[in-house]
PDB file of N, CA and C in Angstrom:
ATOM      1  N   MET A   1     -40.861 -77.118-108.409  1.00  0.00           N
ATOM      2  CA  MET A   1     -41.867 -76.335-107.684  1.00  0.00           C
ATOM      3  C   MET A   1     -41.169 -75.235-106.867  1.00  0.00           C
ATOM      4  N   ALA A   2     -41.724 -74.055-106.894  1.00  0.00           N
ATOM      5  CA  ALA A   2     -41.118 -72.909-106.207  1.00  0.00           C
ATOM      6  C   ALA A   2     -41.192 -73.069-104.690  1.00  0.00           C
ATOM      7  N   LYS A   3     -40.138 -72.643-104.020  1.00  0.00           N
ATOM      8  CA  LYS A   3     -40.115 -72.638-102.555  1.00  0.00           C
ATOM      9  C   LYS A   3     -41.105 -71.595-102.058  1.00  0.00           C
ATOM     10  N   ARG A   4     -41.828 -71.931-100.975  1.00  0.00           N
ATOM     11  CA  ARG A   4     -42.829 -71.022-100.398  1.00  0.00           C
ATOM     12  C   ARG A   4     -42.221 -70.263 -99.228  1.00  0.00           C
ATOM     13  N   ILE A   5     -42.362 -68.944 -99.269  1.00  0.00           N
ATOM     14  CA  ILE A   5     -41.791 -68.087 -98.238  1.00  0.00           C
ATOM     15  C   ILE A   5     -42.889 -67.205 -97.647  1.00  0.00           C
ATOM     16  N   LEU A   6     -42.893 -67.102 -96.318  1.00  0.00           N
ATOM     17  CA  LEU A   6     -43.795 -66.185 -95.623  1.00  0.00           C
ATOM     18  C   LEU A   6     -42.962 -65.011 -95.136  1.00  0.00           C
ATOM     19  N   THR A   7     -43.328 -63.811 -95.547  1.00  0.00           N
ATOM     20  CA  THR A   7     -42.632 -62.615 -95.084  1.00  0.00           C
ATOM     21  C   THR A   7     -43.554 -61.842 -94.143  1.00  0.00           C
ATOM     22  N   VAL A   8     -43.009 -61.452 -92.988  1.00  0.00           N
ATOM     23  CA  VAL A   8     -43.798 -60.833 -91.932  1.00  0.00           C
ATOM     24  C   VAL A   8     -43.160 -59.494 -91.558  1.00  0.00           C
ATOM     25  N   ASP A   9     -43.896 -58.413 -91.795  1.00  0.00           N
ATOM     26  CA  ASP A   9     -43.388 -57.077 -91.472  1.00  0.00           C
ATOM     27  C   ASP A   9     -44.576 -56.136 -91.378  1.00  0.00           C
ATOM     28  N   ASP A  10     -44.557 -55.237 -90.383  1.00  0.00           N
ATOM     29  CA  ASP A  10     -45.670 -54.298 -90.241  1.00  0.00           C
ATOM     30  C   ASP A  10     -45.611 -53.183 -91.282  1.00  0.00           C
ATOM     31  N   SER A  11     -44.489 -53.021 -91.956  1.00  0.00           N
ATOM     32  CA  SER A  11     -44.358 -52.010 -93.009  1.00  0.00           C
ATOM     33  C   SER A  11     -44.785 -52.603 -94.345  1.00  0.00           C
ATOM     34  N   LYS A  12     -45.880 -52.078 -94.909  1.00  0.00           N
ATOM     35  CA  LYS A  12     -46.353 -52.566 -96.208  1.00  0.00           C
ATOM     36  C   LYS A  12     -45.284 -52.347 -97.268  1.00  0.00           C
ATOM     37  N   THR A  13     -44.599 -51.224 -97.215  1.00  0.00           N
ATOM     38  CA  THR A  13     -43.545 -50.926 -98.186  1.00  0.00           C
ATOM     39  C   THR A  13     -42.460 -51.997 -98.138  1.00  0.00           C
ATOM     40  N   MET A  14     -42.049 -52.380 -96.930  1.00  0.00           N
ATOM     41  CA  MET A  14     -41.009 -53.400 -96.785  1.00  0.00           C
ATOM     42  C   MET A  14     -41.516 -54.754 -97.257  1.00  0.00           C
ATOM     43  N   ARG A  15     -42.754 -55.118 -96.893  1.00  0.00           N
ATOM     44  CA  ARG A  15     -43.330 -56.389 -97.369  1.00  0.00           C
ATOM     45  C   ARG A  15     -43.365 -56.422 -98.889  1.00  0.00           C
ATOM     46  N   ASP A  16     -43.798 -55.314 -99.479  1.00  0.00           N
ATOM     47  CA  ASP A  16     -43.881 -55.244-100.943  1.00  0.00           C
ATOM     48  C   ASP A  16     -42.507 -55.419-101.581  1.00  0.00           C
ATOM     49  N   MET A  17     -41.493 -54.753-101.017  1.00  0.00           N
ATOM     50  CA  MET A  17     -40.153 -54.827-101.575  1.00  0.00           C
ATOM     51  C   MET A  17     -39.576 -56.242-101.458  1.00  0.00           C
ATOM     52  N   VAL A  18     -39.739 -56.856-100.279  1.00  0.00           N
ATOM     53  CA  VAL A  18     -39.238 -58.216-100.073  1.00  0.00           C
ATOM     54  C   VAL A  18     -39.983 -59.189-100.996  1.00  0.00           C
ATOM     55  N   SER A  19     -41.297 -59.062-101.047  1.00  0.00           N
ATOM     56  CA  SER A  19     -42.105 -59.952-101.890  1.00  0.00           C
ATOM     57  C   SER A  19     -41.736 -59.815-103.361  1.00  0.00           C
ATOM     58  N   PHE A  20     -41.609 -58.579-103.824  1.00  0.00           N
ATOM     59  CA  PHE A  20     -41.253 -58.325-105.229  1.00  0.00           C
ATOM     60  C   PHE A  20     -39.899 -58.974-105.551  1.00  0.00           C
ATOM     61  N   THR A  21     -38.922 -58.734-104.680  1.00  0.00           N
ATOM     62  CA  THR A  21     -37.569 -59.265-104.880  1.00  0.00           C
ATOM     63  C   THR A  21     -37.581 -60.792-104.935  1.00  0.00           C
ATOM     64  N   LEU A  22     -38.281 -61.413-104.010  1.00  0.00           N
ATOM     65  CA  LEU A  22     -38.303 -62.874-103.944  1.00  0.00           C
ATOM     66  C   LEU A  22     -39.118 -63.493-105.077  1.00  0.00           C
ATOM     67  N   ARG A  23     -40.228 -62.861-105.450  1.00  0.00           N
ATOM     68  CA  ARG A  23     -41.022 -63.382-106.580  1.00  0.00           C
ATOM     69  C   ARG A  23     -40.216 -63.304-107.871  1.00  0.00           C
ATOM     70  N   LYS A  24     -39.497 -62.209-108.034  1.00  0.00           N
ATOM     71  CA  LYS A  24     -38.655 -62.026-109.217  1.00  0.00           C
ATOM     72  C   LYS A  24     -37.576 -63.118-109.289  1.00  0.00           C
ATOM     73  N   ALA A  25     -37.131 -63.605-108.123  1.00  0.00           N
ATOM     74  CA  ALA A  25     -36.127 -64.671-108.059  1.00  0.00           C
ATOM     75  C   ALA A  25     -36.755 -66.063-108.159  1.00  0.00           C
ATOM     76  N   GLY A  26     -38.092 -66.129-108.333  1.00  0.00           N
ATOM     77  CA  GLY A  26     -38.757 -67.406-108.558  1.00  0.00           C
ATOM     78  C   GLY A  26     -39.411 -68.059-107.357  1.00  0.00           C
ATOM     79  N   PHE A  27     -39.520 -67.322-106.244  1.00  0.00           N
ATOM     80  CA  PHE A  27     -40.136 -67.877-105.042  1.00  0.00           C
ATOM     81  C   PHE A  27     -41.625 -67.555-105.001  1.00  0.00           C
ATOM     82  N   ASP A  28     -42.379 -68.397-104.305  1.00  0.00           N
ATOM     83  CA  ASP A  28     -43.800 -68.182-104.042  1.00  0.00           C
ATOM     84  C   ASP A  28     -43.878 -67.509-102.670  1.00  0.00           C
ATOM     85  N   VAL A  29     -44.469 -66.306-102.609  1.00  0.00           N
ATOM     86  CA  VAL A  29     -44.417 -65.513-101.380  1.00  0.00           C
ATOM     87  C   VAL A  29     -45.811 -65.194-100.848  1.00  0.00           C
ATOM     88  N   ALA A  30     -45.984 -65.387 -99.539  1.00  0.00           N
ATOM     89  CA  ALA A  30     -47.186 -64.954 -98.825  1.00  0.00           C
ATOM     90  C   ALA A  30     -46.747 -63.880 -97.838  1.00  0.00           C
ATOM     91  N   GLU A  31     -47.686 -63.035 -97.420  1.00  0.00           N
ATOM     92  CA  GLU A  31     -47.357 -61.919 -96.538  1.00  0.00           C
ATOM     93  C   GLU A  31     -48.266 -61.879 -95.318  1.00  0.00           C
ATOM     94  N   ALA A  32     -47.704 -61.317 -94.225  1.00  0.00           N
ATOM     95  CA  ALA A  32     -48.485 -61.051 -93.013  1.00  0.00           C
ATOM     96  C   ALA A  32     -47.914 -59.792 -92.379  1.00  0.00           C
ATOM     97  N   GLU A  33     -48.785 -58.989 -91.738  1.00  0.00           N
ATOM     98  CA  GLU A  33     -48.317 -57.715 -91.189  1.00  0.00           C
ATOM     99  C   GLU A  33     -47.901 -57.763 -89.722  1.00  0.00           C
ATOM    100  N   ASP A  34     -48.109 -58.889 -89.062  1.00  0.00           N
ATOM    101  CA  ASP A  34     -47.609 -59.038 -87.695  1.00  0.00           C
ATOM    102  C   ASP A  34     -47.581 -60.522 -87.338  1.00  0.00           C
ATOM    103  N   GLY A  35     -47.070 -60.825 -86.153  1.00  0.00           N
ATOM    104  CA  GLY A  35     -46.941 -62.214 -85.738  1.00  0.00           C
ATOM    105  C   GLY A  35     -48.257 -62.955 -85.643  1.00  0.00           C
ATOM    106  N   ASN A  36     -49.292 -62.284 -85.167  1.00  0.00           N
ATOM    107  CA  ASN A  36     -50.610 -62.938 -85.061  1.00  0.00           C
ATOM    108  C   ASN A  36     -51.123 -63.361 -86.432  1.00  0.00           C
ATOM    109  N   LYS A  37     -51.027 -62.457 -87.407  1.00  0.00           N
ATOM    110  CA  LYS A  37     -51.478 -62.777 -88.767  1.00  0.00           C
ATOM    111  C   LYS A  37     -50.602 -63.887 -89.361  1.00  0.00           C
ATOM    112  N   ALA A  38     -49.308 -63.847 -89.058  1.00  0.00           N
ATOM    113  CA  ALA A  38     -48.395 -64.878 -89.563  1.00  0.00           C
ATOM    114  C   ALA A  38     -48.792 -66.258 -89.053  1.00  0.00           C
ATOM    115  N   LEU A  39     -49.117 -66.350 -87.771  1.00  0.00           N
ATOM    116  CA  LEU A  39     -49.532 -67.639 -87.207  1.00  0.00           C
ATOM    117  C   LEU A  39     -50.820 -68.129 -87.855  1.00  0.00           C
ATOM    118  N   ALA A  40     -51.721 -67.191 -88.173  1.00  0.00           N
ATOM    119  CA  ALA A  40     -52.968 -67.569 -88.850  1.00  0.00           C
ATOM    120  C   ALA A  40     -52.663 -68.130 -90.244  1.00  0.00           C
ATOM    121  N   VAL A  41     -51.737 -67.493 -90.961  1.00  0.00           N
ATOM    122  CA  VAL A  41     -51.353 -67.968 -92.296  1.00  0.00           C
ATOM    123  C   VAL A  41     -50.659 -69.331 -92.182  1.00  0.00           C
ATOM    124  N   LEU A  42     -49.784 -69.477 -91.212  1.00  0.00           N
ATOM    125  CA  LEU A  42     -49.061 -70.737 -91.013  1.00  0.00           C
ATOM    126  C   LEU A  42     -49.973 -71.889 -90.628  1.00  0.00           C
ATOM    127  N   GLY A  43     -51.081 -71.567 -89.967  1.00  0.00           N
ATOM    128  CA  GLY A  43     -51.994 -72.602 -89.496  1.00  0.00           C
ATOM    129  C   GLY A  43     -52.509 -73.505 -90.585  1.00  0.00           C
ATOM    130  N   GLY A  44     -52.720 -72.953 -91.761  1.00  0.00           N
ATOM    131  CA  GLY A  44     -53.313 -73.746 -92.828  1.00  0.00           C
ATOM    132  C   GLY A  44     -52.385 -74.047 -93.978  1.00  0.00           C
ATOM    133  N   ALA A  45     -51.097 -73.800 -93.833  1.00  0.00           N
ATOM    134  CA  ALA A  45     -50.185 -73.991 -94.960  1.00  0.00           C
ATOM    135  C   ALA A  45     -48.808 -74.406 -94.463  1.00  0.00           C
ATOM    136  N   SER A  46     -47.991 -74.829 -95.400  1.00  0.00           N
ATOM    137  CA  SER A  46     -46.606 -75.120 -95.042  1.00  0.00           C
ATOM    138  C   SER A  46     -45.701 -74.213 -95.867  1.00  0.00           C
ATOM    139  N   PHE A  47     -44.605 -73.812 -95.262  1.00  0.00           N
ATOM    140  CA  PHE A  47     -43.658 -72.908 -95.902  1.00  0.00           C
ATOM    141  C   PHE A  47     -42.253 -73.472 -95.793  1.00  0.00           C
ATOM    142  N   ASP A  48     -41.405 -73.081 -96.726  1.00  0.00           N
ATOM    143  CA  ASP A  48     -40.011 -73.506 -96.731  1.00  0.00           C
ATOM    144  C   ASP A  48     -39.122 -72.528 -95.977  1.00  0.00           C
ATOM    145  N   LEU A  49     -39.633 -71.308 -95.739  1.00  0.00           N
ATOM    146  CA  LEU A  49     -38.861 -70.268 -95.065  1.00  0.00           C
ATOM    147  C   LEU A  49     -39.797 -69.205 -94.529  1.00  0.00           C
ATOM    148  N   ILE A  50     -39.441 -68.637 -93.374  1.00  0.00           N
ATOM    149  CA  ILE A  50     -40.159 -67.493 -92.816  1.00  0.00           C
ATOM    150  C   ILE A  50     -39.147 -66.365 -92.660  1.00  0.00           C
ATOM    151  N   ILE A  51     -39.522 -65.175 -93.114  1.00  0.00           N
ATOM    152  CA  ILE A  51     -38.691 -63.984 -92.928  1.00  0.00           C
ATOM    153  C   ILE A  51     -39.517 -63.014 -92.094  1.00  0.00           C
ATOM    154  N   THR A  52     -38.991 -62.613 -90.936  1.00  0.00           N
ATOM    155  CA  THR A  52     -39.764 -61.750 -90.053  1.00  0.00           C
ATOM    156  C   THR A  52     -38.975 -60.539 -89.564  1.00  0.00           C
ATOM    157  N   ASP A  53     -39.696 -59.457 -89.380  1.00  0.00           N
ATOM    158  CA  ASP A  53     -39.173 -58.269 -88.721  1.00  0.00           C
ATOM    159  C   ASP A  53     -39.172 -58.567 -87.220  1.00  0.00           C
ATOM    160  N   LEU A  54     -38.443 -57.767 -86.451  1.00  0.00           N
ATOM    161  CA  LEU A  54     -38.460 -57.922 -84.991  1.00  0.00           C
ATOM    162  C   LEU A  54     -39.531 -57.064 -84.347  1.00  0.00           C
ATOM    163  N   ASN A  55     -39.517 -55.779 -84.661  1.00  0.00           N
ATOM    164  CA  ASN A  55     -40.383 -54.811 -83.987  1.00  0.00           C
ATOM    165  C   ASN A  55     -41.694 -54.628 -84.749  1.00  0.00           C
ATOM    166  N   MET A  56     -42.744 -55.261 -84.228  1.00  0.00           N
ATOM    167  CA  MET A  56     -44.066 -55.168 -84.847  1.00  0.00           C
ATOM    168  C   MET A  56     -45.119 -55.069 -83.751  1.00  0.00           C
ATOM    169  N   PRO A  57     -46.257 -54.452 -84.068  1.00  0.00           N
ATOM    170  CA  PRO A  57     -47.346 -54.410 -83.079  1.00  0.00           C
ATOM    171  C   PRO A  57     -48.004 -55.789 -82.947  1.00  0.00           C
ATOM    172  N   ASN A  58     -48.774 -55.962 -81.912  1.00  0.00           N
ATOM    173  CA  ASN A  58     -49.553 -57.187 -81.639  1.00  0.00           C
ATOM    174  C   ASN A  58     -48.704 -58.382 -81.230  1.00  0.00           C
ATOM    175  N   MET A  59     -47.743 -58.767 -82.069  1.00  0.00           N
ATOM    176  CA  MET A  59     -46.808 -59.843 -81.709  1.00  0.00           C
ATOM    177  C   MET A  59     -45.487 -59.571 -82.411  1.00  0.00           C
ATOM    178  N   ASP A  60     -44.434 -59.423 -81.622  1.00  0.00           N
ATOM    179  CA  ASP A  60     -43.129 -59.117 -82.214  1.00  0.00           C
ATOM    180  C   ASP A  60     -42.475 -60.368 -82.805  1.00  0.00           C
ATOM    181  N   GLY A  61     -41.352 -60.164 -83.481  1.00  0.00           N
ATOM    182  CA  GLY A  61     -40.678 -61.251 -84.170  1.00  0.00           C
ATOM    183  C   GLY A  61     -40.159 -62.347 -83.254  1.00  0.00           C
ATOM    184  N   ILE A  62     -39.623 -61.981 -82.087  1.00  0.00           N
ATOM    185  CA  ILE A  62     -39.097 -62.983 -81.149  1.00  0.00           C
ATOM    186  C   ILE A  62     -40.225 -63.899 -80.663  1.00  0.00           C
ATOM    187  N   THR A  63     -41.353 -63.305 -80.309  1.00  0.00           N
ATOM    188  CA  THR A  63     -42.509 -64.095 -79.863  1.00  0.00           C
ATOM    189  C   THR A  63     -43.007 -64.987 -80.993  1.00  0.00           C
ATOM    190  N   LEU A  64     -43.017 -64.463 -82.213  1.00  0.00           N
ATOM    191  CA  LEU A  64     -43.425 -65.263 -83.373  1.00  0.00           C
ATOM    192  C   LEU A  64     -42.491 -66.460 -83.538  1.00  0.00           C
ATOM    193  N   ILE A  65     -41.189 -66.221 -83.477  1.00  0.00           N
ATOM    194  CA  ILE A  65     -40.224 -67.309 -83.645  1.00  0.00           C
ATOM    195  C   ILE A  65     -40.433 -68.383 -82.580  1.00  0.00           C
ATOM    196  N   LYS A  66     -40.614 -67.967 -81.325  1.00  0.00           N
ATOM    197  CA  LYS A  66     -40.851 -68.934 -80.246  1.00  0.00           C
ATOM    198  C   LYS A  66     -42.123 -69.739 -80.507  1.00  0.00           C
ATOM    199  N   SER A  67     -43.168 -69.072 -80.996  1.00  0.00           N
ATOM    200  CA  SER A  67     -44.432 -69.762 -81.290  1.00  0.00           C
ATOM    201  C   SER A  67     -44.257 -70.768 -82.422  1.00  0.00           C
ATOM    202  N   VAL A  68     -43.520 -70.379 -83.453  1.00  0.00           N
ATOM    203  CA  VAL A  68     -43.285 -71.283 -84.582  1.00  0.00           C
ATOM    204  C   VAL A  68     -42.471 -72.493 -84.118  1.00  0.00           C
ATOM    205  N   ARG A  69     -41.447 -72.252 -83.330  1.00  0.00           N
ATOM    206  CA  ARG A  69     -40.588 -73.343 -82.854  1.00  0.00           C
ATOM    207  C   ARG A  69     -41.335 -74.284 -81.900  1.00  0.00           C
ATOM    208  N   ALA A  70     -42.384 -73.789 -81.256  1.00  0.00           N
ATOM    209  CA  ALA A  70     -43.178 -74.621 -80.344  1.00  0.00           C
ATOM    210  C   ALA A  70     -44.158 -75.520 -81.089  1.00  0.00           C
ATOM    211  N   ASP A  71     -44.379 -75.246 -82.370  1.00  0.00           N
ATOM    212  CA  ASP A  71     -45.327 -76.004 -83.188  1.00  0.00           C
ATOM    213  C   ASP A  71     -44.563 -77.064 -83.978  1.00  0.00           C
ATOM    214  N   ALA A  72     -44.829 -78.319 -83.717  1.00  0.00           N
ATOM    215  CA  ALA A  72     -44.110 -79.421 -84.358  1.00  0.00           C
ATOM    216  C   ALA A  72     -44.168 -79.340 -85.881  1.00  0.00           C
ATOM    217  N   LYS A  73     -45.275 -78.865 -86.415  1.00  0.00           N
ATOM    218  CA  LYS A  73     -45.448 -78.800 -87.875  1.00  0.00           C
ATOM    219  C   LYS A  73     -44.425 -77.865 -88.526  1.00  0.00           C
ATOM    220  N   HIS A  74     -44.049 -76.789 -87.821  1.00  0.00           N
ATOM    221  CA  HIS A  74     -43.171 -75.769 -88.411  1.00  0.00           C
ATOM    222  C   HIS A  74     -41.807 -75.680 -87.724  1.00  0.00           C
ATOM    223  N   ARG A  75     -41.550 -76.559 -86.775  1.00  0.00           N
ATOM    224  CA  ARG A  75     -40.331 -76.475 -85.955  1.00  0.00           C
ATOM    225  C   ARG A  75     -39.051 -76.416 -86.784  1.00  0.00           C
ATOM    226  N   GLY A  76     -39.002 -77.142 -87.890  1.00  0.00           N
ATOM    227  CA  GLY A  76     -37.789 -77.199 -88.697  1.00  0.00           C
ATOM    228  C   GLY A  76     -37.671 -76.153 -89.789  1.00  0.00           C
ATOM    229  N   VAL A  77     -38.653 -75.291 -89.916  1.00  0.00           N
ATOM    230  CA  VAL A  77     -38.636 -74.271 -90.971  1.00  0.00           C
ATOM    231  C   VAL A  77     -37.588 -73.201 -90.637  1.00  0.00           C
ATOM    232  N   PRO A  78     -36.671 -72.910 -91.577  1.00  0.00           N
ATOM    233  CA  PRO A  78     -35.698 -71.846 -91.314  1.00  0.00           C
ATOM    234  C   PRO A  78     -36.409 -70.499 -91.135  1.00  0.00           C
ATOM    235  N   ILE A  79     -35.889 -69.670 -90.233  1.00  0.00           N
ATOM    236  CA  ILE A  79     -36.464 -68.348 -89.985  1.00  0.00           C
ATOM    237  C   ILE A  79     -35.356 -67.314 -90.049  1.00  0.00           C
ATOM    238  N   LEU A  80     -35.529 -66.337 -90.935  1.00  0.00           N
ATOM    239  CA  LEU A  80     -34.598 -65.216 -91.040  1.00  0.00           C
ATOM    240  C   LEU A  80     -35.218 -63.989 -90.407  1.00  0.00           C
ATOM    241  N   ILE A  81     -34.411 -63.252 -89.661  1.00  0.00           N
ATOM    242  CA  ILE A  81     -34.860 -61.979 -89.100  1.00  0.00           C
ATOM    243  C   ILE A  81     -34.339 -60.881 -90.014  1.00  0.00           C
ATOM    244  N   LEU A  82     -35.251 -60.038 -90.473  1.00  0.00           N
ATOM    245  CA  LEU A  82     -34.922 -58.903 -91.337  1.00  0.00           C
ATOM    246  C   LEU A  82     -35.343 -57.651 -90.581  1.00  0.00           C
ATOM    247  N   THR A  83     -34.377 -56.888 -90.068  1.00  0.00           N
ATOM    248  CA  THR A  83     -34.694 -55.813 -89.145  1.00  0.00           C
ATOM    249  C   THR A  83     -33.702 -54.659 -89.224  1.00  0.00           C
ATOM    250  N   THR A  84     -34.073 -53.530 -88.667  1.00  0.00           N
ATOM    251  CA  THR A  84     -33.148 -52.398 -88.548  1.00  0.00           C
ATOM    252  C   THR A  84     -32.237 -52.574 -87.342  1.00  0.00           C
ATOM    253  N   GLU A  85     -32.568 -53.516 -86.463  1.00  0.00           N
ATOM    254  CA  GLU A  85     -31.781 -53.765 -85.254  1.00  0.00           C
ATOM    255  C   GLU A  85     -30.439 -54.409 -85.599  1.00  0.00           C
ATOM    256  N   SER A  86     -29.364 -53.887 -85.045  1.00  0.00           N
ATOM    257  CA  SER A  86     -28.063 -54.515 -85.237  1.00  0.00           C
ATOM    258  C   SER A  86     -27.401 -54.805 -83.894  1.00  0.00           C
ATOM    259  N   ASP A  87     -28.143 -54.577 -82.807  1.00  0.00           N
ATOM    260  CA  ASP A  87     -27.655 -54.786 -81.451  1.00  0.00           C
ATOM    261  C   ASP A  87     -27.350 -56.265 -81.198  1.00  0.00           C
ATOM    262  N   SER A  88     -26.190 -56.546 -80.617  1.00  0.00           N
ATOM    263  CA  SER A  88     -25.788 -57.940 -80.395  1.00  0.00           C
ATOM    264  C   SER A  88     -26.709 -58.655 -79.403  1.00  0.00           C
ATOM    265  N   THR A  89     -27.283 -57.919 -78.445  1.00  0.00           N
ATOM    266  CA  THR A  89     -28.218 -58.536 -77.504  1.00  0.00           C
ATOM    267  C   THR A  89     -29.467 -59.019 -78.235  1.00  0.00           C
ATOM    268  N   LYS A  90     -29.973 -58.199 -79.155  1.00  0.00           N
ATOM    269  CA  LYS A  90     -31.152 -58.593 -79.944  1.00  0.00           C
ATOM    270  C   LYS A  90     -30.834 -59.810 -80.802  1.00  0.00           C
ATOM    271  N   LYS A  91     -29.621 -59.820 -81.384  1.00  0.00           N
ATOM    272  CA  LYS A  91     -29.217 -60.976 -82.193  1.00  0.00           C
ATOM    273  C   LYS A  91     -29.173 -62.236 -81.332  1.00  0.00           C
ATOM    274  N   SER A  92     -28.649 -62.105 -80.124  1.00  0.00           N
ATOM    275  CA  SER A  92     -28.599 -63.251 -79.205  1.00  0.00           C
ATOM    276  C   SER A  92     -30.000 -63.721 -78.855  1.00  0.00           C
ATOM    277  N   ASP A  93     -30.907 -62.765 -78.614  1.00  0.00           N
ATOM    278  CA  ASP A  93     -32.305 -63.107 -78.317  1.00  0.00           C
ATOM    279  C   ASP A  93     -32.926 -63.860 -79.486  1.00  0.00           C
ATOM    280  N   GLY A  94     -32.660 -63.386 -80.707  1.00  0.00           N
ATOM    281  CA  GLY A  94     -33.199 -64.033 -81.905  1.00  0.00           C
ATOM    282  C   GLY A  94     -32.671 -65.447 -82.060  1.00  0.00           C
ATOM    283  N   LYS A  95     -31.378 -65.605 -81.852  1.00  0.00           N
ATOM    284  CA  LYS A  95     -30.766 -66.925 -81.966  1.00  0.00           C
ATOM    285  C   LYS A  95     -31.308 -67.873 -80.893  1.00  0.00           C
ATOM    286  N   ALA A  96     -31.432 -67.353 -79.665  1.00  0.00           N
ATOM    287  CA  ALA A  96     -31.965 -68.167 -78.566  1.00  0.00           C
ATOM    288  C   ALA A  96     -33.408 -68.599 -78.841  1.00  0.00           C
ATOM    289  N   ALA A  97     -34.178 -67.737 -79.514  1.00  0.00           N
ATOM    290  CA  ALA A  97     -35.574 -68.062 -79.832  1.00  0.00           C
ATOM    291  C   ALA A  97     -35.668 -69.100 -80.940  1.00  0.00           C
ATOM    292  N   GLY A  98     -34.598 -69.207 -81.750  1.00  0.00           N
ATOM    293  CA  GLY A  98     -34.613 -70.205 -82.820  1.00  0.00           C
ATOM    294  C   GLY A  98     -34.415 -69.654 -84.214  1.00  0.00           C
ATOM    295  N   ALA A  99     -33.978 -68.389 -84.335  1.00  0.00           N
ATOM    296  CA  ALA A  99     -33.752 -67.808 -85.661  1.00  0.00           C
ATOM    297  C   ALA A  99     -32.568 -68.489 -86.336  1.00  0.00           C
ATOM    298  N   THR A 100     -32.663 -68.635 -87.644  1.00  0.00           N
ATOM    299  CA  THR A 100     -31.627 -69.264 -88.440  1.00  0.00           C
ATOM    300  C   THR A 100     -30.576 -68.254 -88.887  1.00  0.00           C
ATOM    301  N   GLY A 101     -31.031 -67.023 -89.185  1.00  0.00           N
ATOM    302  CA  GLY A 101     -30.122 -66.002 -89.691  1.00  0.00           C
ATOM    303  C   GLY A 101     -30.656 -64.608 -89.456  1.00  0.00           C
ATOM    304  N   TRP A 102     -29.852 -63.615 -89.826  1.00  0.00           N
ATOM    305  CA  TRP A 102     -30.133 -62.211 -89.519  1.00  0.00           C
ATOM    306  C   TRP A 102     -29.689 -61.353 -90.687  1.00  0.00           C
ATOM    307  N   LEU A 103     -30.535 -60.431 -91.126  1.00  0.00           N
ATOM    308  CA  LEU A 103     -30.172 -59.483 -92.174  1.00  0.00           C
ATOM    309  C   LEU A 103     -30.640 -58.106 -91.738  1.00  0.00           C
ATOM    310  N   VAL A 104     -29.730 -57.128 -91.770  1.00  0.00           N
ATOM    311  CA  VAL A 104     -30.051 -55.783 -91.298  1.00  0.00           C
ATOM    312  C   VAL A 104     -30.540 -54.918 -92.456  1.00  0.00           C
ATOM    313  N   LYS A 105     -31.637 -54.187 -92.219  1.00  0.00           N
ATOM    314  CA  LYS A 105     -32.154 -53.202 -93.173  1.00  0.00           C
ATOM    315  C   LYS A 105     -31.307 -51.940 -93.045  1.00  0.00           C
ATOM    316  N   PRO A 106     -31.086 -51.193 -94.079  1.00  0.00           N
ATOM    317  CA  PRO A 106     -31.425 -51.528 -95.467  1.00  0.00           C
ATOM    318  C   PRO A 106     -30.495 -52.622 -95.998  1.00  0.00           C
ATOM    319  N   PHE A 107     -30.977 -53.334 -96.996  1.00  0.00           N
ATOM    320  CA  PHE A 107     -30.232 -54.451 -97.567  1.00  0.00           C
ATOM    321  C   PHE A 107     -30.349 -54.377 -99.083  1.00  0.00           C
ATOM    322  N   SER A 108     -29.448 -55.037 -99.758  1.00  0.00           N
ATOM    323  CA  SER A 108     -29.552 -55.088-101.221  1.00  0.00           C
ATOM    324  C   SER A 108     -30.415 -56.292-101.598  1.00  0.00           C
ATOM    325  N   PRO A 109     -31.209 -56.165-102.647  1.00  0.00           N
ATOM    326  CA  PRO A 109     -32.029 -57.295-103.086  1.00  0.00           C
ATOM    327  C   PRO A 109     -31.172 -58.534-103.371  1.00  0.00           C
ATOM    328  N   GLU A 110     -29.986 -58.326-103.927  1.00  0.00           N
ATOM    329  CA  GLU A 110     -29.100 -59.446-104.242  1.00  0.00           C
ATOM    330  C   GLU A 110     -28.687 -60.194-102.967  1.00  0.00           C
ATOM    331  N   LYS A 111     -28.390 -59.445-101.926  1.00  0.00           N
ATOM    332  CA  LYS A 111     -27.973 -60.049-100.661  1.00  0.00           C
ATOM    333  C   LYS A 111     -29.135 -60.855-100.056  1.00  0.00           C
ATOM    334  N   LEU A 112     -30.352 -60.316-100.149  1.00  0.00           N
ATOM    335  CA  LEU A 112     -31.527 -61.032 -99.645  1.00  0.00           C
ATOM    336  C   LEU A 112     -31.699 -62.354-100.381  1.00  0.00           C
ATOM    337  N   VAL A 113     -31.666 -62.317-101.702  1.00  0.00           N
ATOM    338  CA  VAL A 113     -31.843 -63.532-102.501  1.00  0.00           C
ATOM    339  C   VAL A 113     -30.731 -64.530-102.200  1.00  0.00           C
ATOM    340  N   GLU A 114     -29.500 -64.045-102.089  1.00  0.00           N
ATOM    341  CA  GLU A 114     -28.369 -64.915-101.775  1.00  0.00           C
ATOM    342  C   GLU A 114     -28.557 -65.625-100.429  1.00  0.00           C
ATOM    343  N   LEU A 115     -28.978 -64.876 -99.423  1.00  0.00           N
ATOM    344  CA  LEU A 115     -29.203 -65.451 -98.099  1.00  0.00           C
ATOM    345  C   LEU A 115     -30.348 -66.461 -98.132  1.00  0.00           C
ATOM    346  N   VAL A 116     -31.434 -66.117 -98.797  1.00  0.00           N
ATOM    347  CA  VAL A 116     -32.587 -67.018 -98.901  1.00  0.00           C
ATOM    348  C   VAL A 116     -32.176 -68.317 -99.591  1.00  0.00           C
ATOM    349  N   GLN A 117     -31.397 -68.212-100.671  1.00  0.00           N
ATOM    350  CA  GLN A 117     -30.968 -69.413-101.385  1.00  0.00           C
ATOM    351  C   GLN A 117     -30.032 -70.268-100.536  1.00  0.00           C
ATOM    352  N   ARG A 118     -29.274 -69.631 -99.651  1.00  0.00           N
ATOM    353  CA  ARG A 118     -28.360 -70.374 -98.793  1.00  0.00           C
ATOM    354  C   ARG A 118     -29.119 -71.165 -97.721  1.00  0.00           C
ATOM    355  N   VAL A 119     -30.148 -70.562 -97.103  1.00  0.00           N
ATOM    356  CA  VAL A 119     -30.866 -71.253 -96.024  1.00  0.00           C
ATOM    357  C   VAL A 119     -32.048 -72.086 -96.520  1.00  0.00           C
ATOM    358  N   CYS A 120     -32.409 -71.884 -97.776  1.00  0.00           N
ATOM    359  CA  CYS A 120     -33.568 -72.578 -98.334  1.00  0.00           C
ATOM    360  C   CYS A 120     -33.214 -73.096 -99.735  1.00  0.00           C
ATOM    361  N   PRO A 121     -32.254 -74.039 -99.810  1.00  0.00           N
ATOM    362  CA  PRO A 121     -31.766 -74.498-101.129  1.00  0.00           C
ATOM    363  C   PRO A 121     -32.814 -75.298-101.912  1.00  0.00           C
TER     364      PRO A 121
END
């Protein structure tokens, strides 16, 4: 059975690219355009991995990660941050919130799949 991944990004182009890449690699992918929508999707389903952007309207990635980690149902789900941010303070904030890993945009599709396979075997 394919691993289920939720990708969260306010950029439709980025969501499409991540989803296309992961589906091509055999993953089942759902999408949300911000943290609020992601929590709504998570409410009724279980996922093997969450990939989120940091900078989004309505609810940013750090707040989303904290919300996911506060929910017992999803507490153990790996979370990757996929962002243009490369600042070490932001990385520390992400790690403190509960992020599993970090990938900076732009990225190669191969690197994304490799990272996903490493954290979601």
